[in-house]
Amino acid sequence: MPMYDYLCKRCGPFTLMRPMAECELEADCPACARSSPRIIMTAPQLSTLSHERRSAAAANERSAHAPRTLSEVKTAHRPGCACCIGKQSRPGRHGRNGAKSFPAKRPWMISH
């Protein structure tokens, strides 16, 4: 269910979770019960998003104006840190026919 912003003339802005069908209707202020019009203060949010997705979206919004460069990321993390595990390149071999293999990892898998 989406969350909408409203502005009470007496109490100020507040946010309510309402069905999409009621998005254009006025809402009663939770403090003084006065009918208040909807305003657009922030981008629409859906409360059904998981915490991880909301956190990722918030991080993307915070860093959109100044993305970090690769050198900044490398200095911020040490080898083998929890956020970079599994992202290192794996050594592989290339056969005469161009097939790639990883002899130390999964010898039973066929390369494509």
N, C-alpha and C. Protein backbone atom coordinates (compact mmCIF):
# COMPACT_ATOMS: atom_id res chain seq x y z
N MET A 1 0.85 -1.17 0.00
CA MET A 1 0.00 0.00 0.00
C MET A 1 0.90 1.24 0.00
N PRO A 2 0.64 2.23 -0.84
CA PRO A 2 1.49 3.42 -0.92
C PRO A 2 1.31 4.36 0.27
N MET A 3 2.34 5.14 0.48
CA MET A 3 2.31 6.15 1.54
C MET A 3 2.22 7.52 0.87
N TYR A 4 1.36 8.38 1.39
CA TYR A 4 1.14 9.70 0.81
C TYR A 4 1.40 10.77 1.87
N ASP A 5 1.84 11.95 1.40
CA ASP A 5 2.09 13.08 2.29
C ASP A 5 0.90 14.03 2.24
N TYR A 6 0.57 14.57 3.39
CA TYR A 6 -0.52 15.53 3.52
C TYR A 6 -0.03 16.72 4.34
N LEU A 7 -0.70 17.87 4.19
CA LEU A 7 -0.31 19.07 4.92
C LEU A 7 -1.49 19.63 5.68
N CYS A 8 -1.40 19.57 6.99
CA CYS A 8 -2.42 20.16 7.87
C CYS A 8 -2.03 21.62 8.10
N LYS A 9 -2.96 22.54 7.94
CA LYS A 9 -2.66 23.96 8.12
C LYS A 9 -2.31 24.28 9.56
N ARG A 10 -2.80 23.50 10.48
CA ARG A 10 -2.55 23.76 11.90
C ARG A 10 -1.32 22.99 12.42
N CYS A 11 -1.19 21.71 12.07
CA CYS A 11 -0.15 20.85 12.65
C CYS A 11 1.08 20.65 11.76
N GLY A 12 0.95 20.88 10.46
CA GLY A 12 2.08 20.68 9.55
C GLY A 12 1.94 19.39 8.75
N PRO A 13 3.04 18.96 8.10
CA PRO A 13 2.97 17.78 7.24
C PRO A 13 2.89 16.47 8.02
N PHE A 14 2.23 15.48 7.41
CA PHE A 14 2.17 14.13 7.97
C PHE A 14 2.04 13.13 6.83
N THR A 15 2.34 11.88 7.11
CA THR A 15 2.33 10.82 6.11
C THR A 15 1.35 9.73 6.53
N LEU A 16 0.56 9.24 5.56
CA LEU A 16 -0.38 8.17 5.83
C LEU A 16 -0.26 7.08 4.76
N MET A 17 -0.55 5.86 5.15
CA MET A 17 -0.60 4.75 4.22
C MET A 17 -2.07 4.57 3.83
N ARG A 18 -2.34 4.67 2.51
CA ARG A 18 -3.71 4.59 2.03
C ARG A 18 -3.77 3.80 0.74
N PRO A 19 -4.92 3.25 0.38
CA PRO A 19 -5.06 2.56 -0.90
C PRO A 19 -4.90 3.55 -2.06
N MET A 20 -4.45 3.03 -3.19
CA MET A 20 -4.25 3.89 -4.36
C MET A 20 -5.56 4.54 -4.84
N ALA A 21 -6.65 3.88 -4.61
CA ALA A 21 -7.94 4.42 -5.04
C ALA A 21 -8.29 5.70 -4.27
N GLU A 22 -7.69 5.91 -3.12
CA GLU A 22 -7.98 7.09 -2.29
C GLU A 22 -6.87 8.13 -2.36
N CYS A 23 -6.01 8.06 -3.37
CA CYS A 23 -4.85 8.95 -3.41
C CYS A 23 -5.22 10.42 -3.57
N GLU A 24 -6.31 10.73 -4.26
CA GLU A 24 -6.68 12.13 -4.50
C GLU A 24 -7.57 12.71 -3.39
N LEU A 25 -8.07 11.86 -2.50
CA LEU A 25 -8.96 12.33 -1.44
C LEU A 25 -8.17 12.99 -0.31
N GLU A 26 -8.81 13.92 0.37
CA GLU A 26 -8.19 14.54 1.53
C GLU A 26 -8.19 13.54 2.69
N ALA A 27 -7.27 13.76 3.65
CA ALA A 27 -7.17 12.87 4.81
C ALA A 27 -7.28 13.69 6.09
N ASP A 28 -7.76 13.04 7.15
CA ASP A 28 -7.87 13.71 8.44
C ASP A 28 -6.52 13.69 9.14
N CYS A 29 -6.12 14.82 9.69
CA CYS A 29 -4.87 14.94 10.43
C CYS A 29 -4.94 14.04 11.67
N PRO A 30 -3.89 13.25 11.94
CA PRO A 30 -3.94 12.37 13.11
C PRO A 30 -3.91 13.13 14.44
N ALA A 31 -3.43 14.38 14.44
CA ALA A 31 -3.34 15.14 15.69
C ALA A 31 -4.63 15.91 15.98
N CYS A 32 -5.16 16.62 14.97
CA CYS A 32 -6.33 17.48 15.24
C CYS A 32 -7.59 17.06 14.49
N ALA A 33 -7.51 16.02 13.65
CA ALA A 33 -8.63 15.49 12.88
C ALA A 33 -9.18 16.47 11.85
N ARG A 34 -8.40 17.45 11.46
CA ARG A 34 -8.80 18.43 10.45
C ARG A 34 -8.54 17.84 9.06
N SER A 35 -9.43 18.05 8.12
CA SER A 35 -9.27 17.55 6.76
C SER A 35 -8.11 18.29 6.09
N SER A 36 -7.17 17.51 5.51
CA SER A 36 -5.95 18.09 4.94
C SER A 36 -5.74 17.61 3.51
N PRO A 37 -5.27 18.48 2.61
CA PRO A 37 -5.03 18.09 1.23
C PRO A 37 -3.72 17.33 1.08
N ARG A 38 -3.65 16.54 0.03
CA ARG A 38 -2.42 15.80 -0.26
C ARG A 38 -1.40 16.73 -0.90
N ILE A 39 -0.15 16.56 -0.52
CA ILE A 39 0.95 17.31 -1.13
C ILE A 39 2.00 16.30 -1.60
N ILE A 40 2.91 16.73 -2.44
CA ILE A 40 3.99 15.86 -2.89
C ILE A 40 5.29 16.44 -2.35
N MET A 41 5.76 15.85 -1.25
CA MET A 41 7.03 16.27 -0.62
C MET A 41 8.16 15.35 -1.03
N THR A 42 7.89 14.07 -1.13
CA THR A 42 8.91 13.08 -1.47
C THR A 42 8.39 12.20 -2.60
N ALA A 43 9.27 11.40 -3.14
CA ALA A 43 8.86 10.46 -4.18
C ALA A 43 7.94 9.41 -3.57
N PRO A 44 7.02 8.88 -4.33
CA PRO A 44 6.11 7.85 -3.79
C PRO A 44 6.89 6.64 -3.28
N GLN A 45 6.42 6.06 -2.19
CA GLN A 45 7.06 4.91 -1.58
C GLN A 45 6.03 3.80 -1.44
N LEU A 46 6.49 2.58 -1.57
CA LEU A 46 5.61 1.44 -1.35
C LEU A 46 6.05 0.73 -0.08
N SER A 47 5.13 0.52 0.81
CA SER A 47 5.48 -0.10 2.09
C SER A 47 5.71 -1.60 1.96
N THR A 48 5.42 -2.18 0.79
CA THR A 48 5.61 -3.62 0.63
C THR A 48 7.04 -4.00 0.27
N LEU A 49 7.91 -3.03 0.06
CA LEU A 49 9.30 -3.33 -0.24
C LEU A 49 10.00 -3.90 0.98
N SER A 50 10.91 -4.82 0.75
CA SER A 50 11.66 -5.40 1.86
C SER A 50 12.65 -4.37 2.40
N HIS A 51 13.12 -4.60 3.61
CA HIS A 51 14.08 -3.69 4.24
C HIS A 51 15.34 -3.57 3.39
N GLU A 52 15.81 -4.68 2.83
CA GLU A 52 17.03 -4.66 2.02
C GLU A 52 16.85 -3.79 0.77
N ARG A 53 15.70 -3.92 0.11
CA ARG A 53 15.46 -3.12 -1.09
C ARG A 53 15.35 -1.63 -0.76
N ARG A 54 14.65 -1.31 0.35
CA ARG A 54 14.55 0.09 0.75
C ARG A 54 15.92 0.65 1.09
N SER A 55 16.76 -0.12 1.78
CA SER A 55 18.11 0.33 2.13
C SER A 55 18.95 0.55 0.88
N ALA A 56 18.85 -0.37 -0.08
CA ALA A 56 19.61 -0.24 -1.32
C ALA A 56 19.17 0.99 -2.11
N ALA A 57 17.88 1.21 -2.19
CA ALA A 57 17.37 2.38 -2.91
C ALA A 57 17.81 3.67 -2.23
N ALA A 58 17.77 3.69 -0.90
CA ALA A 58 18.21 4.88 -0.17
C ALA A 58 19.69 5.13 -0.37
N ALA A 59 20.50 4.09 -0.38
CA ALA A 59 21.94 4.25 -0.61
C ALA A 59 22.20 4.78 -2.01
N ASN A 60 21.45 4.27 -2.99
CA ASN A 60 21.61 4.76 -4.37
C ASN A 60 21.24 6.23 -4.47
N GLU A 61 20.18 6.64 -3.81
CA GLU A 61 19.77 8.04 -3.85
C GLU A 61 20.81 8.94 -3.19
N ARG A 62 21.37 8.48 -2.06
CA ARG A 62 22.38 9.29 -1.37
C ARG A 62 23.63 9.47 -2.21
N SER A 63 24.02 8.44 -2.96
CA SER A 63 25.27 8.51 -3.70
C SER A 63 25.09 8.93 -5.16
N ALA A 64 23.89 9.25 -5.58
CA ALA A 64 23.65 9.58 -6.99
C ALA A 64 24.40 10.84 -7.41
N HIS A 65 24.56 11.81 -6.53
CA HIS A 65 25.20 13.06 -6.91
C HIS A 65 26.72 12.94 -6.97
N ALA A 66 27.31 11.98 -6.26
CA ALA A 66 28.77 11.84 -6.24
C ALA A 66 29.15 10.37 -6.13
N PRO A 67 29.10 9.63 -7.23
CA PRO A 67 29.47 8.22 -7.15
C PRO A 67 30.94 8.05 -6.81
N ARG A 68 31.26 6.96 -6.12
CA ARG A 68 32.64 6.70 -5.73
C ARG A 68 33.41 6.08 -6.89
N THR A 69 34.68 6.41 -6.98
CA THR A 69 35.52 5.84 -8.02
C THR A 69 36.08 4.52 -7.54
N LEU A 70 36.66 3.77 -8.46
CA LEU A 70 37.22 2.47 -8.13
C LEU A 70 38.34 2.59 -7.10
N SER A 71 39.18 3.62 -7.23
CA SER A 71 40.27 3.79 -6.26
C SER A 71 39.73 4.08 -4.86
N GLU A 72 38.63 4.79 -4.74
CA GLU A 72 38.03 5.04 -3.44
C GLU A 72 37.46 3.76 -2.84
N VAL A 73 36.88 2.93 -3.66
CA VAL A 73 36.32 1.67 -3.18
C VAL A 73 37.45 0.75 -2.72
N LYS A 74 38.54 0.68 -3.49
CA LYS A 74 39.66 -0.20 -3.13
C LYS A 74 40.30 0.23 -1.82
N THR A 75 40.40 1.54 -1.55
CA THR A 75 41.01 1.98 -0.29
C THR A 75 40.06 1.79 0.87
N ALA A 76 38.77 1.75 0.60
CA ALA A 76 37.80 1.58 1.68
C ALA A 76 37.69 0.13 2.13
N HIS A 77 38.08 -0.81 1.28
CA HIS A 77 37.94 -2.22 1.58
C HIS A 77 39.30 -2.92 1.56
N ARG A 78 39.46 -3.86 2.43
CA ARG A 78 40.68 -4.67 2.42
C ARG A 78 40.37 -6.00 1.72
N PRO A 79 41.37 -6.70 1.23
CA PRO A 79 41.10 -7.96 0.55
C PRO A 79 40.37 -8.96 1.45
N GLY A 80 39.33 -9.56 0.91
CA GLY A 80 38.59 -10.57 1.65
C GLY A 80 37.55 -10.02 2.60
N CYS A 81 37.21 -8.71 2.51
CA CYS A 81 36.19 -8.16 3.41
C CYS A 81 34.83 -8.78 3.07
N ALA A 82 33.89 -8.68 3.98
CA ALA A 82 32.61 -9.36 3.83
C ALA A 82 31.82 -8.90 2.62
N CYS A 83 31.95 -7.64 2.23
CA CYS A 83 31.16 -7.16 1.10
C CYS A 83 31.78 -7.52 -0.24
N CYS A 84 33.03 -7.93 -0.27
CA CYS A 84 33.70 -8.24 -1.53
C CYS A 84 33.95 -9.73 -1.74
N ILE A 85 33.53 -10.57 -0.80
CA ILE A 85 33.77 -12.00 -0.95
C ILE A 85 33.01 -12.51 -2.17
N GLY A 86 33.69 -13.29 -2.97
CA GLY A 86 33.07 -13.85 -4.17
C GLY A 86 33.19 -12.97 -5.39
N LYS A 87 33.77 -11.78 -5.26
CA LYS A 87 33.89 -10.89 -6.40
C LYS A 87 35.29 -10.93 -7.02
N GLN A 88 36.23 -11.64 -6.40
CA GLN A 88 37.57 -11.73 -6.96
C GLN A 88 37.52 -12.62 -8.19
N SER A 89 38.38 -12.32 -9.14
CA SER A 89 38.41 -13.16 -10.34
C SER A 89 39.08 -14.49 -10.02
N ARG A 90 38.58 -15.53 -10.64
CA ARG A 90 39.12 -16.87 -10.40
C ARG A 90 40.11 -17.21 -11.49
N PRO A 91 41.23 -17.82 -11.12
CA PRO A 91 42.18 -18.22 -12.15
C PRO A 91 41.60 -19.37 -12.98
N GLY A 92 41.79 -19.30 -14.26
CA GLY A 92 41.27 -20.34 -15.13
C GLY A 92 42.27 -20.69 -16.20
N ARG A 93 42.00 -21.75 -16.89
CA ARG A 93 42.85 -22.18 -18.00
C ARG A 93 42.04 -22.18 -19.28
N HIS A 94 42.71 -21.87 -20.36
CA HIS A 94 42.07 -21.93 -21.66
C HIS A 94 42.71 -23.06 -22.46
N GLY A 95 41.89 -23.95 -22.96
CA GLY A 95 42.39 -25.06 -23.77
C GLY A 95 42.65 -24.62 -25.20
N ARG A 96 43.15 -25.53 -26.00
CA ARG A 96 43.46 -25.22 -27.41
C ARG A 96 42.22 -24.84 -28.20
N ASN A 97 41.10 -25.40 -27.82
CA ASN A 97 39.86 -25.11 -28.54
C ASN A 97 39.14 -23.87 -27.98
N GLY A 98 39.73 -23.20 -26.99
CA GLY A 98 39.14 -21.99 -26.42
C GLY A 98 38.27 -22.24 -25.22
N ALA A 99 38.09 -23.50 -24.82
CA ALA A 99 37.25 -23.81 -23.66
C ALA A 99 37.96 -23.38 -22.39
N LYS A 100 37.21 -22.81 -21.48
CA LYS A 100 37.78 -22.35 -20.22
C LYS A 100 37.48 -23.38 -19.14
N SER A 101 38.47 -23.62 -18.27
CA SER A 101 38.24 -24.55 -17.16
C SER A 101 38.85 -23.99 -15.90
N PHE A 102 38.30 -24.41 -14.77
CA PHE A 102 38.79 -24.02 -13.45
C PHE A 102 39.19 -25.28 -12.72
N PRO A 103 40.42 -25.73 -12.87
CA PRO A 103 40.81 -27.02 -12.34
C PRO A 103 40.71 -27.15 -10.82
N ALA A 104 40.93 -26.09 -10.09
CA ALA A 104 40.91 -26.18 -8.63
C ALA A 104 39.51 -26.06 -8.05
N LYS A 105 38.54 -25.60 -8.81
CA LYS A 105 37.22 -25.31 -8.25
C LYS A 105 36.24 -26.47 -8.40
N ARG A 106 35.75 -26.71 -9.60
CA ARG A 106 34.72 -27.73 -9.81
C ARG A 106 35.10 -28.58 -11.02
N PRO A 107 35.93 -29.59 -10.82
CA PRO A 107 36.40 -30.37 -11.95
C PRO A 107 35.30 -31.15 -12.65
N TRP A 108 34.17 -31.37 -12.01
CA TRP A 108 33.11 -32.15 -12.62
C TRP A 108 32.24 -31.33 -13.58
N MET A 109 32.38 -29.98 -13.55
CA MET A 109 31.54 -29.13 -14.40
C MET A 109 32.14 -28.98 -15.79
N ILE A 110 31.29 -28.95 -16.78
CA ILE A 110 31.74 -28.78 -18.16
C ILE A 110 31.68 -27.31 -18.50
N SER A 111 32.75 -26.79 -19.08
CA SER A 111 32.80 -25.39 -19.47
C SER A 111 31.98 -25.16 -20.71
N HIS A 112 31.46 -23.92 -20.89
CA HIS A 112 30.73 -23.61 -22.10
C HIS A 112 31.33 -22.45 -22.82
